[in-house]
């Protein structure tokens, strides 16, 4: 768990204090509840070794003991001393002294390399430093992803979704069970069906590295066309022109009328 040092900047503070005193002879018990309302809020979290870990800003908020309810918020997550993810939401609950955060009512997240993420709500826990969402949409210059069971590991700086996904990639509609971003930025997809124009790729594993303009598949593939099918152990497919290479136990099965013609 993070050893947080939270600095609070408040431009306007209004404090309401209610005290209730109940006397039970021969002892006295005092029940105290304190709430503070504020505007122009900045909260900062640090790692155990004093490096920036997160920053929260909000237009307004209410502090109840160690729990904040904040409105019109921005939550910035750091990775290796740089601002990696910036999440904005109308409502944020910062709980347990900063160990738990819940953002609600429509959350937009921007990663510093241009990935944009959209979801209804997210949760972040300091114990594992992971952001989670039931469902999310991610867009970039190259693809669009919708996925369920989404997590983003802020220590490893990569996302994962294990409850089904759909990717739209350069004319391909790709559906699968699990999608993972690796530490190199490679996107790995498991148990996949990928359809583009008149052909379909079925494979246990499909890989896409943003910026390369190609996809690869391993573990046995079935490439289906209107004129037949090709099976092989691996595939390399160029997105620009549709050219592909297959390797390993290649087998081609053509439709019976593929060579029919008048001459």
Protein backbone atom coordinates (compact mmCIF):
# COMPACT_ATOMS: atom_id res chain seq x y z
CA UNK A 1 0.00 0.00 0.00
CA UNK A 2 1.23 3.44 -0.82
CA UNK A 3 2.53 5.63 1.92
CA UNK A 4 0.62 8.65 0.72
CA UNK A 5 1.42 12.21 1.49
CA UNK A 6 -1.56 14.20 0.33
CA UNK A 7 -1.25 17.93 -0.13
CA UNK A 8 -4.47 19.87 -0.26
CA UNK A 9 -4.93 23.28 -1.84
CA UNK A 10 -8.27 24.86 -1.12
CA UNK A 11 -9.25 28.27 -2.42
CA UNK A 12 -12.56 28.45 -0.59
CA UNK A 13 -13.33 26.51 2.59
CA UNK A 14 -16.60 26.39 4.48
CA UNK A 15 -16.74 24.12 7.49
CA UNK A 16 -19.87 22.99 9.31
CA UNK A 17 -19.38 21.19 12.60
CA UNK A 18 -22.14 19.34 14.47
CA UNK A 19 -21.57 18.06 18.00
CA UNK A 20 -23.97 15.82 19.90
CA UNK A 21 -23.39 15.16 23.59
CA UNK A 22 -25.11 12.25 25.28
CA UNK A 23 -24.52 11.67 28.98
CA UNK A 24 -24.74 8.23 30.46
CA UNK A 25 -23.95 8.18 34.20
CA UNK A 26 -21.33 7.72 35.34
CA UNK A 27 -19.41 8.15 32.01
CA UNK A 28 -19.69 10.69 29.17
CA UNK A 29 -19.52 9.83 25.44
CA UNK A 30 -19.12 12.48 22.74
CA UNK A 31 -20.09 11.71 19.12
CA UNK A 32 -18.46 14.06 16.63
CA UNK A 33 -18.99 14.40 12.87
CA UNK A 34 -17.06 16.89 10.76
CA UNK A 35 -17.66 17.78 7.11
CA UNK A 36 -15.86 20.35 4.97
CA UNK A 37 -16.97 21.80 1.64
CA UNK A 38 -14.36 23.30 -0.65
CA UNK A 39 -13.70 24.64 -4.15
CA UNK A 40 -10.58 24.71 -6.30
CA UNK A 41 -9.22 21.43 -4.95
CA UNK A 42 -5.83 19.85 -5.73
CA UNK A 43 -4.81 16.54 -4.13
CA UNK A 44 -1.48 14.81 -4.73
CA UNK A 45 -0.35 11.25 -4.04
CA UNK A 46 3.25 10.06 -3.82
CA UNK A 47 4.98 6.70 -3.89
CA UNK A 48 6.90 5.34 -0.92
CA UNK A 49 10.12 6.85 -2.28
CA UNK A 50 8.54 10.28 -2.76
CA UNK A 51 7.89 10.26 -6.51
CA UNK A 52 4.65 11.67 -7.96
CA UNK A 53 2.01 8.95 -8.28
CA UNK A 54 -1.25 10.77 -8.97
CA UNK A 55 -2.88 14.20 -9.00
CA UNK A 56 -6.57 14.94 -8.52
CA UNK A 57 -8.11 18.30 -9.33
CA UNK A 58 -11.76 19.23 -8.86
CA UNK A 59 -13.94 22.30 -9.06
CA UNK A 60 -15.81 21.45 -5.87
CA UNK A 61 -15.79 18.79 -3.18
CA UNK A 62 -16.99 17.65 0.22
CA UNK A 63 -14.65 16.04 2.76
CA UNK A 64 -16.17 13.61 5.24
CA UNK A 65 -13.49 12.26 7.57
CA UNK A 66 -10.95 10.79 5.06
CA UNK A 67 -13.38 10.47 2.13
CA UNK A 68 -13.83 13.01 -0.65
CA UNK A 69 -16.82 13.46 -2.93
CA UNK A 70 -15.57 15.60 -5.83
CA UNK A 71 -17.29 17.11 -8.86
CA UNK A 72 -15.95 18.12 -12.30
CA UNK A 73 -12.76 16.20 -11.76
CA UNK A 74 -9.48 15.22 -13.39
CA UNK A 75 -7.40 12.26 -12.17
CA UNK A 76 -3.84 12.02 -13.54
CA UNK A 77 -1.94 8.73 -13.14
CA UNK A 78 1.86 8.64 -13.37
CA UNK A 79 4.08 5.97 -14.90
CA UNK A 80 7.86 6.26 -14.53
CA UNK A 81 7.67 9.92 -13.46
CA UNK A 82 5.53 11.03 -16.40
CA UNK A 83 1.82 11.72 -16.66
CA UNK A 84 0.57 8.60 -18.47
CA UNK A 85 -3.24 8.53 -18.08
CA UNK A 86 -5.56 11.49 -17.58
CA UNK A 87 -9.13 10.62 -16.60
CA UNK A 88 -11.93 13.18 -16.46
CA UNK A 89 -15.37 12.59 -14.96
CA UNK A 90 -18.28 14.59 -13.51
CA UNK A 91 -18.07 12.74 -10.19
CA UNK A 92 -15.20 11.17 -8.23
CA UNK A 93 -15.16 9.47 -4.85
CA UNK A 94 -11.68 9.38 -3.28
CA UNK A 95 -11.97 7.00 -0.35
CA UNK A 96 -9.91 5.46 2.44
CA UNK A 97 -7.52 8.38 2.59
CA UNK A 98 -6.67 8.08 -1.11
CA UNK A 99 -6.35 4.29 -1.36
CA UNK A 100 -9.49 3.86 -3.47
CA UNK A 101 -11.01 6.00 -6.23
CA UNK A 102 -14.28 5.63 -8.13
CA UNK A 103 -15.08 7.85 -11.12
CA UNK A 104 -18.68 7.95 -12.36
CA UNK A 105 -21.22 9.37 -14.81
CA UNK A 106 -19.16 9.09 -17.98
CA UNK A 107 -15.37 8.79 -17.84
CA UNK A 108 -12.97 9.86 -20.59
CA UNK A 109 -9.33 8.73 -20.36
CA UNK A 110 -6.48 9.94 -22.55
CA UNK A 111 -3.11 8.20 -22.70
CA UNK A 112 -0.10 10.29 -23.59
CA UNK A 113 0.49 8.35 -26.84
CA UNK A 114 -2.94 9.21 -28.24
CA UNK A 115 -5.13 6.33 -27.03
CA UNK A 116 -8.59 7.55 -25.97
CA UNK A 117 -10.77 5.47 -23.65
CA UNK A 118 -14.44 5.93 -22.81
CA UNK A 119 -16.57 4.18 -20.18
CA UNK A 120 -19.38 4.85 -17.73
CA UNK A 121 -17.30 4.36 -14.57
CA UNK A 122 -13.88 3.16 -13.41
CA UNK A 123 -12.33 2.08 -10.13
CA UNK A 124 -8.70 2.41 -9.05
CA UNK A 125 -7.17 0.65 -6.04
CA UNK A 126 -3.81 1.61 -4.56
CA UNK A 127 -3.11 -1.95 -3.37
CA UNK A 128 -2.58 -3.30 -6.89
CA UNK A 129 -2.40 0.05 -8.75
CA UNK A 130 -4.94 -1.16 -11.32
CA UNK A 131 -7.75 0.72 -13.05
CA UNK A 132 -10.78 -1.45 -13.85
CA UNK A 133 -14.01 -1.02 -15.82
CA UNK A 134 -16.86 -3.36 -16.67
CA UNK A 135 -16.83 -2.23 -20.30
CA UNK A 136 -14.71 0.22 -22.28
CA UNK A 137 -14.17 1.67 -25.73
CA UNK A 138 -10.63 2.52 -26.89
CA UNK A 139 -9.84 4.49 -30.03
CA UNK A 140 -6.56 5.33 -31.73
CA UNK A 141 -5.44 6.44 -35.18
CA UNK A 142 -5.32 2.79 -36.27
CA UNK A 143 -8.08 0.85 -34.51
CA UNK A 144 -11.22 0.93 -32.41
CA UNK A 145 -11.71 -1.53 -29.56
CA UNK A 146 -14.73 -2.32 -27.41
CA UNK A 147 -14.15 -4.78 -24.58
CA UNK A 148 -15.60 -6.16 -21.36
CA UNK A 149 -13.75 -7.09 -18.18
CA UNK A 150 -11.18 -4.32 -18.70
CA UNK A 151 -8.17 -3.63 -16.48
CA UNK A 152 -5.20 -1.29 -16.86
CA UNK A 153 -2.09 -2.19 -14.83
CA UNK A 154 -0.37 1.10 -14.03
CA UNK A 155 2.79 -0.63 -12.78
CA UNK A 156 3.17 -2.59 -16.03
CA UNK A 157 1.63 0.16 -18.20
CA UNK A 158 -0.64 -2.09 -20.26
CA UNK A 159 -4.29 -3.05 -20.62
CA UNK A 160 -6.10 -6.38 -20.60
CA UNK A 161 -9.69 -7.49 -21.20
CA UNK A 162 -10.86 -11.05 -20.69
CA UNK A 163 -14.63 -11.08 -21.21
CA UNK A 164 -14.92 -10.63 -24.97
CA UNK A 165 -13.90 -7.88 -27.39
CA UNK A 166 -14.42 -6.46 -30.87
CA UNK A 167 -11.71 -4.64 -32.82
CA UNK A 168 -12.24 -2.63 -36.00
CA UNK A 169 -8.89 -2.51 -37.79
CA UNK A 170 -8.41 -1.32 -41.37
CA UNK A 171 -11.47 -3.06 -42.77
CA UNK A 172 -11.22 -6.05 -40.43
CA UNK A 173 -13.90 -6.81 -37.87
CA UNK A 174 -12.13 -8.92 -35.25
CA UNK A 175 -14.02 -10.74 -32.49
CA UNK A 176 -12.37 -12.73 -29.72
CA UNK A 177 -12.29 -13.72 -26.07
CA UNK A 178 -9.18 -12.07 -24.59
CA UNK A 179 -7.09 -9.07 -25.65
CA UNK A 180 -3.84 -7.96 -24.01
CA UNK A 181 -1.37 -5.17 -24.60
CA UNK A 182 2.17 -6.43 -23.97
CA UNK A 183 5.05 -4.44 -22.50
CA UNK A 184 6.36 -3.71 -26.03
CA UNK A 185 3.01 -2.31 -27.20
CA UNK A 186 2.11 -5.45 -29.16
CA UNK A 187 -1.62 -6.24 -29.00
CA UNK A 188 -2.31 -9.97 -28.58
CA UNK A 189 -5.77 -11.41 -29.22
CA UNK A 190 -6.88 -14.92 -28.23
CA UNK A 191 -9.46 -17.21 -29.87
CA UNK A 192 -10.16 -14.90 -32.78
CA UNK A 193 -12.38 -14.63 -35.83
CA UNK A 194 -11.33 -11.80 -38.17
CA UNK A 195 -13.47 -10.91 -41.20
CA UNK A 196 -12.49 -8.57 -44.02
CA UNK A 197 -14.32 -8.30 -47.35
CA UNK A 198 -14.66 -11.85 -48.75
CA UNK A 199 -12.34 -13.70 -46.38
CA UNK A 200 -12.12 -14.75 -42.74
CA UNK A 201 -9.22 -15.69 -40.47
CA UNK A 202 -9.86 -18.09 -37.59
CA UNK A 203 -6.93 -18.55 -35.24
CA UNK A 204 -6.08 -19.19 -31.58
CA UNK A 205 -3.80 -16.12 -31.50
CA UNK A 206 -3.69 -12.95 -33.58
CA UNK A 207 -1.11 -10.18 -33.11
CA UNK A 208 -1.01 -6.54 -34.16
CA UNK A 209 1.82 -4.12 -33.49
CA UNK A 210 0.61 -0.53 -33.96
CA UNK A 211 2.51 1.24 -36.70
CA UNK A 212 3.60 -1.88 -38.63
CA UNK A 213 0.58 -2.17 -40.97
CA UNK A 214 0.50 -5.95 -40.60
CA UNK A 215 -1.07 -8.66 -38.49
CA UNK A 216 0.31 -12.09 -37.69
CA UNK A 217 -1.28 -15.29 -36.42
CA UNK A 218 0.16 -18.39 -34.78
CA UNK A 219 -0.94 -21.73 -33.39
CA UNK A 220 -2.82 -22.93 -36.45
CA UNK A 221 -4.94 -20.78 -38.76
CA UNK A 222 -7.86 -21.24 -41.12
CA UNK A 223 -8.06 -18.67 -43.91
CA UNK A 224 -11.39 -18.90 -45.73
CA UNK A 225 -12.18 -17.34 -49.11
CA UNK A 226 -15.19 -17.65 -51.37
CA UNK A 227 -13.16 -20.06 -53.54
CA UNK A 228 -11.82 -22.29 -50.75
CA UNK A 229 -9.77 -22.50 -47.58
CA UNK A 230 -6.11 -22.44 -46.57
CA UNK A 231 -4.86 -23.98 -43.33
CA UNK A 232 -1.38 -23.42 -41.92
CA UNK A 233 0.57 -23.00 -38.69
CA UNK A 234 1.28 -19.27 -39.08
CA UNK A 235 0.17 -16.25 -41.09
CA UNK A 236 1.56 -12.84 -41.97
CA UNK A 237 -1.02 -10.47 -43.47
CA UNK A 238 -0.27 -7.02 -44.92
CA UNK A 239 -3.07 -4.56 -44.20
CA UNK A 240 -2.30 -2.17 -47.06
CA UNK A 241 -2.76 -4.55 -50.00
CA UNK A 242 -4.14 -7.77 -48.49
CA UNK A 243 -1.06 -9.80 -49.44
CA UNK A 244 -0.31 -12.66 -47.07
CA UNK A 245 2.20 -15.41 -46.39
CA UNK A 246 1.38 -18.71 -44.68
CA UNK A 247 3.87 -21.24 -43.33
CA UNK A 248 3.90 -24.63 -41.64
CA UNK A 249 1.85 -27.60 -42.86
CA UNK A 250 0.10 -25.52 -45.50
CA UNK A 251 -2.98 -27.12 -47.05
CA UNK A 252 -5.14 -25.55 -49.76
CA UNK A 253 -8.67 -26.78 -50.44
CA UNK A 254 -10.48 -25.22 -53.41
CA UNK A 255 -14.14 -25.24 -54.30
CA UNK A 256 -14.98 -27.94 -56.85
CA UNK A 257 -15.94 -25.38 -59.51
CA UNK A 258 -12.97 -23.05 -58.96
CA UNK A 259 -11.39 -23.90 -62.34
CA UNK A 260 -14.61 -24.15 -64.35
CA UNK A 261 -14.85 -22.06 -67.50
CA UNK A 262 -15.58 -22.09 -71.18
CA UNK A 263 -11.94 -22.43 -72.23
